[in-house]
Amino acid sequence: MAGQLREPVGLVTGSTGSHSNQQPQGSNVSIKRRITRIVKANRNADLEAKQDPRVQAQNAQTAQRTLLDQARRGAADVAAHHHRVGLAANEAAAYLNRVEAAASLAVQRGDDDAARAAIRESMTARRRLETLTGQLREAEQQARRLHDDVQRLEYRVQQNAMEYDALLARRAAAQAAIGVHDALASSSREAAAIDAARRNAELEVRRFEAQAQAREELSWSDPSSPRLQQAFEELEAEAAAQQELEELKRRGSRGYPPAQY
């Protein structure tokens, strides 16, 4: 609600100027009713807005099928009435034939009283037959109209059902397409994440390799490093061994025995 409801201000009563908080009861009841109607209307609007369109379509189809069943029952009732009227008209026609035959026989016998009675009865039977014939014609037309209406309604219900099934199929296809696109997008994101992780790992490996190479170079350039001292010792030992070998070769060439230690 845009505004706020305010309580009525108390009326000043009496000569002493004292205030009394009197509120008109009718106004409060009217406001409460209006608020209740607004709340109910908003709730109903929210429910209609949140209702699934598929549920609405199914409800509409159910209502159409109910109307179709009612139309079929009505057409069946009219067809039954048409059948009953037809039977009554046939009986009336047969009775009229019998009465007219009786009138003819009475005339042939020369029985005028019986002939007049039969003629009067035939007139009554003819009027009844005409009435039934009119009712039969009207019932036949009504039955034909209802039959056509039922066929049109059946076709409409069938078409609506087919369209609804087609919409469901399109909806399922669209949802499947959305799922495929989402999967492709997720796969692309995962592939990008994998590539980024691979690049980061490769950079880290290169950094470690550079650090190892730098430390190896530092180990050779530092005179106090154990590795360099070991290399010097190996070179000195190799030089001493080479010198000893040459000394042995010289002694051997002069015929001196090898030195005794």
Protein backbone atom coordinates (compact mmCIF):
# COMPACT_ATOMS: atom_id res chain seq x y z
CA MET A 1 0.00 0.00 0.00
CA ALA A 2 1.30 3.44 -0.95
CA GLY A 3 0.13 5.25 2.19
CA GLN A 4 -0.09 4.37 5.84
CA LEU A 5 -3.33 4.01 7.78
CA ARG A 6 -3.68 6.44 10.66
CA GLU A 7 -5.99 6.21 13.60
CA PRO A 8 -8.56 9.02 13.94
CA VAL A 9 -7.48 11.82 16.26
CA GLY A 10 -9.43 12.00 19.53
CA LEU A 11 -12.30 14.50 19.72
CA VAL A 12 -12.34 17.31 22.31
CA THR A 13 -15.36 16.97 24.61
CA GLY A 14 -16.52 18.86 27.67
CA SER A 15 -15.74 22.38 28.92
CA THR A 16 -12.58 21.27 30.80
CA GLY A 17 -10.67 20.56 27.58
CA SER A 18 -10.01 16.86 28.37
CA HIS A 19 -9.29 14.60 25.35
CA SER A 20 -10.96 11.24 24.72
CA ASN A 21 -9.66 8.70 22.16
CA GLN A 22 -13.01 7.84 20.58
CA GLN A 23 -12.83 6.00 17.19
CA PRO A 24 -15.75 5.49 14.82
CA GLN A 25 -16.42 1.74 14.70
CA GLY A 26 -18.02 1.78 11.24
CA SER A 27 -14.97 3.37 9.64
CA ASN A 28 -12.63 0.79 11.19
CA VAL A 29 -14.78 -2.11 9.96
CA SER A 30 -14.89 -0.65 6.45
CA ILE A 31 -11.10 -0.18 6.35
CA LYS A 32 -10.50 -3.72 7.62
CA ARG A 33 -12.80 -5.14 4.97
CA ARG A 34 -11.03 -3.19 2.24
CA ILE A 35 -7.62 -4.37 3.47
CA THR A 36 -8.87 -7.97 3.59
CA ARG A 37 -10.19 -7.77 0.02
CA ILE A 38 -6.91 -6.27 -1.22
CA VAL A 39 -4.85 -8.96 0.50
CA LYS A 40 -7.04 -11.74 -0.93
CA ALA A 41 -6.90 -10.23 -4.41
CA ASN A 42 -3.12 -9.97 -4.27
CA ARG A 43 -2.83 -13.55 -3.01
CA ASN A 44 -5.05 -14.85 -5.80
CA ALA A 45 -3.08 -12.86 -8.38
CA ASP A 46 0.18 -14.30 -7.07
CA LEU A 47 -1.20 -17.83 -7.22
CA GLU A 48 -2.38 -17.37 -10.79
CA ALA A 49 0.96 -15.86 -11.80
CA LYS A 50 2.92 -18.70 -10.19
CA GLN A 51 0.76 -21.46 -11.69
CA ASP A 52 2.54 -23.70 -14.16
CA PRO A 53 1.37 -23.11 -17.76
CA ARG A 54 1.30 -26.88 -18.26
CA VAL A 55 -1.13 -27.19 -15.36
CA GLN A 56 -3.30 -24.47 -16.88
CA ALA A 57 -3.30 -26.27 -20.24
CA GLN A 58 -4.18 -29.58 -18.59
CA ASN A 59 -7.02 -27.92 -16.67
CA ALA A 60 -8.32 -26.40 -19.90
CA GLN A 61 -8.20 -29.78 -21.63
CA THR A 62 -10.00 -31.39 -18.72
CA ALA A 63 -12.71 -28.74 -18.92
CA GLN A 64 -13.04 -29.31 -22.68
CA ARG A 65 -13.37 -33.06 -22.20
CA THR A 66 -16.02 -32.48 -19.56
CA LEU A 67 -17.98 -30.28 -21.98
CA LEU A 68 -17.54 -32.91 -24.68
CA ASP A 69 -18.95 -35.60 -22.40
CA GLN A 70 -21.91 -33.37 -21.59
CA ALA A 71 -22.50 -32.71 -25.29
CA ARG A 72 -22.35 -36.43 -26.05
CA ARG A 73 -24.87 -37.19 -23.31
CA GLY A 74 -27.14 -34.43 -24.61
CA ALA A 75 -26.88 -35.75 -28.16
CA ALA A 76 -27.65 -39.26 -26.91
CA ASP A 77 -30.73 -37.98 -25.06
CA VAL A 78 -31.97 -36.17 -28.17
CA ALA A 79 -31.35 -39.28 -30.28
CA ALA A 80 -33.32 -41.37 -27.79
CA HIS A 81 -36.15 -38.81 -27.87
CA HIS A 82 -36.10 -38.90 -31.68
CA HIS A 83 -36.36 -42.68 -31.56
CA ARG A 84 -39.30 -42.60 -29.15
CA VAL A 85 -41.14 -40.00 -31.22
CA GLY A 86 -40.52 -42.09 -34.34
CA LEU A 87 -42.03 -45.15 -32.68
CA ALA A 88 -45.03 -43.12 -31.54
CA ALA A 89 -45.49 -41.68 -35.06
CA ASN A 90 -45.37 -45.17 -36.57
CA GLU A 91 -47.98 -46.38 -34.10
CA ALA A 92 -50.15 -43.32 -34.84
CA ALA A 93 -49.88 -43.95 -38.59
CA ALA A 94 -50.82 -47.61 -38.15
CA TYR A 95 -53.77 -46.66 -35.94
CA LEU A 96 -54.93 -44.09 -38.51
CA ASN A 97 -54.82 -46.75 -41.22
CA ARG A 98 -56.91 -49.08 -39.09
CA VAL A 99 -59.48 -46.38 -38.30
CA GLU A 100 -59.78 -45.34 -41.96
CA ALA A 101 -60.16 -48.99 -42.94
CA ALA A 102 -62.91 -49.34 -40.32
CA ALA A 103 -64.66 -46.24 -41.71
CA SER A 104 -64.55 -47.70 -45.23
CA LEU A 105 -66.02 -50.99 -44.03
CA ALA A 106 -68.77 -49.15 -42.17
CA VAL A 107 -69.67 -47.23 -45.34
CA GLN A 108 -69.74 -50.47 -47.32
CA ARG A 109 -72.10 -52.00 -44.75
CA GLY A 110 -74.28 -48.92 -44.82
CA ASP A 111 -73.68 -48.28 -41.12
CA ASP A 112 -73.58 -44.49 -41.13
CA ASP A 113 -73.23 -44.15 -37.36
CA ALA A 114 -70.20 -46.43 -37.26
CA ALA A 115 -68.78 -44.67 -40.31
CA ARG A 116 -69.18 -41.23 -38.70
CA ALA A 117 -67.58 -42.45 -35.46
CA ALA A 118 -64.68 -43.96 -37.38
CA ILE A 119 -64.26 -40.77 -39.39
CA ARG A 120 -64.18 -38.65 -36.22
CA GLU A 121 -61.63 -41.04 -34.71
CA SER A 122 -59.57 -40.90 -37.90
CA MET A 123 -59.55 -37.10 -37.75
CA THR A 124 -58.25 -37.23 -34.20
CA ALA A 125 -55.66 -39.84 -35.17
CA ARG A 126 -54.58 -37.72 -38.16
CA ARG A 127 -54.06 -34.65 -35.97
CA ARG A 128 -52.04 -36.74 -33.53
CA LEU A 129 -49.97 -38.13 -36.40
CA GLU A 130 -49.35 -34.63 -37.77
CA THR A 131 -48.24 -33.47 -34.32
CA LEU A 132 -45.91 -36.44 -33.90
CA THR A 133 -44.59 -35.97 -37.42
CA GLY A 134 -43.72 -32.34 -36.63
CA GLN A 135 -42.06 -33.38 -33.39
CA LEU A 136 -40.17 -36.10 -35.22
CA ARG A 137 -38.94 -33.62 -37.83
CA GLU A 138 -37.85 -31.16 -35.13
CA ALA A 139 -36.13 -33.90 -33.10
CA GLU A 140 -34.35 -35.12 -36.23
CA GLN A 141 -33.04 -31.63 -37.01
CA GLN A 142 -31.97 -31.13 -33.42
CA ALA A 143 -30.22 -34.49 -33.34
CA ARG A 144 -28.41 -33.68 -36.59
CA ARG A 145 -27.27 -30.29 -35.26
CA LEU A 146 -26.08 -31.81 -32.00
CA HIS A 147 -24.28 -34.56 -33.86
CA ASP A 148 -22.45 -31.98 -35.95
CA ASP A 149 -21.66 -29.91 -32.86
CA VAL A 150 -20.29 -32.96 -31.07
CA GLN A 151 -18.11 -33.80 -34.05
CA ARG A 152 -16.75 -30.26 -34.19
CA LEU A 153 -16.09 -30.30 -30.46
CA GLU A 154 -14.37 -33.68 -30.72
CA TYR A 155 -12.18 -32.35 -33.53
CA ARG A 156 -11.37 -29.24 -31.49
CA VAL A 157 -10.46 -31.26 -28.40
CA GLN A 158 -8.33 -33.58 -30.52
CA GLN A 159 -6.57 -30.65 -32.17
CA ASN A 160 -5.92 -28.99 -28.82
CA ALA A 161 -4.51 -32.25 -27.45
CA MET A 162 -2.24 -32.63 -30.47
CA GLU A 163 -1.07 -29.03 -30.19
CA TYR A 164 -0.46 -29.50 -26.47
CA ASP A 165 1.56 -32.66 -27.12
CA ALA A 166 3.53 -30.80 -29.80
CA LEU A 167 4.21 -27.98 -27.35
CA LEU A 168 5.39 -30.49 -24.75
CA ALA A 169 7.69 -32.06 -27.33
CA ARG A 170 9.05 -28.64 -28.30
CA ARG A 171 9.51 -27.78 -24.63
CA ALA A 172 11.39 -31.03 -24.01
CA ALA A 173 13.56 -30.41 -27.08
CA ALA A 174 14.29 -26.86 -25.95
CA GLN A 175 15.19 -28.08 -22.46
CA ALA A 176 17.46 -30.73 -23.96
CA ALA A 177 19.13 -28.11 -26.15
CA ILE A 178 19.63 -25.88 -23.13
CA GLY A 179 21.15 -28.80 -21.25
CA VAL A 180 23.50 -29.56 -24.15
CA HIS A 181 24.53 -25.91 -24.45
CA ASP A 182 25.09 -25.71 -20.70
CA ALA A 183 27.18 -28.88 -20.83
CA LEU A 184 29.23 -27.48 -23.71
CA ALA A 185 29.72 -24.19 -21.91
CA SER A 186 30.70 -26.00 -18.72
CA SER A 187 33.07 -28.21 -20.70
CA SER A 188 34.63 -25.14 -22.30
CA ARG A 189 35.06 -23.52 -18.91
CA GLU A 190 36.58 -26.71 -17.51
CA ALA A 191 38.91 -26.97 -20.52
CA ALA A 192 39.98 -23.37 -20.02
CA ALA A 193 40.58 -24.06 -16.34
CA ILE A 194 42.62 -27.17 -17.22
CA ASP A 195 44.70 -25.19 -19.72
CA ALA A 196 45.30 -22.47 -17.15
CA ALA A 197 46.34 -25.04 -14.55
CA ARG A 198 48.66 -26.71 -17.07
CA ARG A 199 50.26 -23.38 -17.93
CA ASN A 200 50.70 -22.56 -14.25
CA ALA A 201 52.27 -25.97 -13.63
CA GLU A 202 54.59 -25.53 -16.59
CA LEU A 203 55.65 -22.11 -15.32
CA GLU A 204 56.28 -23.58 -11.88
CA VAL A 205 58.41 -26.40 -13.36
CA ARG A 206 60.42 -23.89 -15.36
CA ARG A 207 60.92 -21.81 -12.25
CA PHE A 208 62.16 -24.83 -10.32
CA GLU A 209 64.48 -25.80 -13.19
CA ALA A 210 65.89 -22.27 -13.33
CA GLN A 211 66.44 -22.29 -9.58
CA ALA A 212 68.23 -25.66 -9.79
CA GLN A 213 70.43 -24.48 -12.64
CA ALA A 214 71.26 -21.25 -10.80
CA ARG A 215 72.20 -23.15 -7.67
CA GLU A 216 74.36 -25.52 -9.70
CA GLU A 217 76.20 -22.58 -11.23
CA LEU A 218 76.63 -21.00 -7.81
CA SER A 219 78.05 -24.24 -6.41
CA TRP A 220 80.90 -24.09 -8.98
CA SER A 221 81.61 -20.40 -8.48
CA ASP A 222 81.80 -20.54 -4.66
CA PRO A 223 85.36 -21.53 -3.51
CA SER A 224 84.13 -22.73 -0.17
CA SER A 225 81.49 -25.03 -1.58
CA PRO A 226 82.06 -28.75 -0.82
CA ARG A 227 81.48 -29.68 -4.42
CA LEU A 228 84.26 -27.39 -5.69
CA GLN A 229 86.66 -28.62 -2.95
CA GLN A 230 85.93 -32.23 -3.90
CA ALA A 231 86.64 -31.43 -7.55
CA PHE A 232 89.97 -29.82 -6.60
CA GLU A 233 90.91 -32.83 -4.48
CA GLU A 234 90.08 -35.17 -7.34
CA LEU A 235 92.23 -33.10 -9.72
CA GLU A 236 95.15 -33.07 -7.25
CA ALA A 237 94.88 -36.83 -6.73
CA GLU A 238 94.79 -37.41 -10.48
CA ALA A 239 97.85 -35.14 -10.97
CA ALA A 240 99.75 -36.98 -8.21
CA ALA A 241 98.87 -40.35 -9.75
CA GLN A 242 100.00 -39.14 -13.18
CA GLN A 243 103.31 -37.87 -11.72
CA GLU A 244 103.88 -41.19 -9.96
CA LEU A 245 103.16 -43.04 -13.17
CA GLU A 246 105.68 -40.98 -15.09
CA GLU A 247 108.28 -41.54 -12.34
CA LEU A 248 107.77 -45.29 -12.56
CA LYS A 249 108.15 -45.18 -16.30
CA ARG A 250 111.47 -43.30 -16.03
CA ARG A 251 112.87 -45.74 -13.53
CA GLY A 252 111.81 -48.64 -15.64
CA SER A 253 113.62 -47.23 -18.64
CA ARG A 254 116.88 -46.75 -16.62
CA GLY A 255 116.85 -50.23 -15.10
CA TYR A 256 116.26 -49.05 -11.56
CA PRO A 257 114.15 -51.19 -9.35
CA PRO A 258 110.96 -49.66 -8.20
CA ALA A 259 111.15 -47.61 -5.11
CA GLN A 260 110.55 -49.44 -1.82
CA TYR A 261 108.20 -47.92 0.69
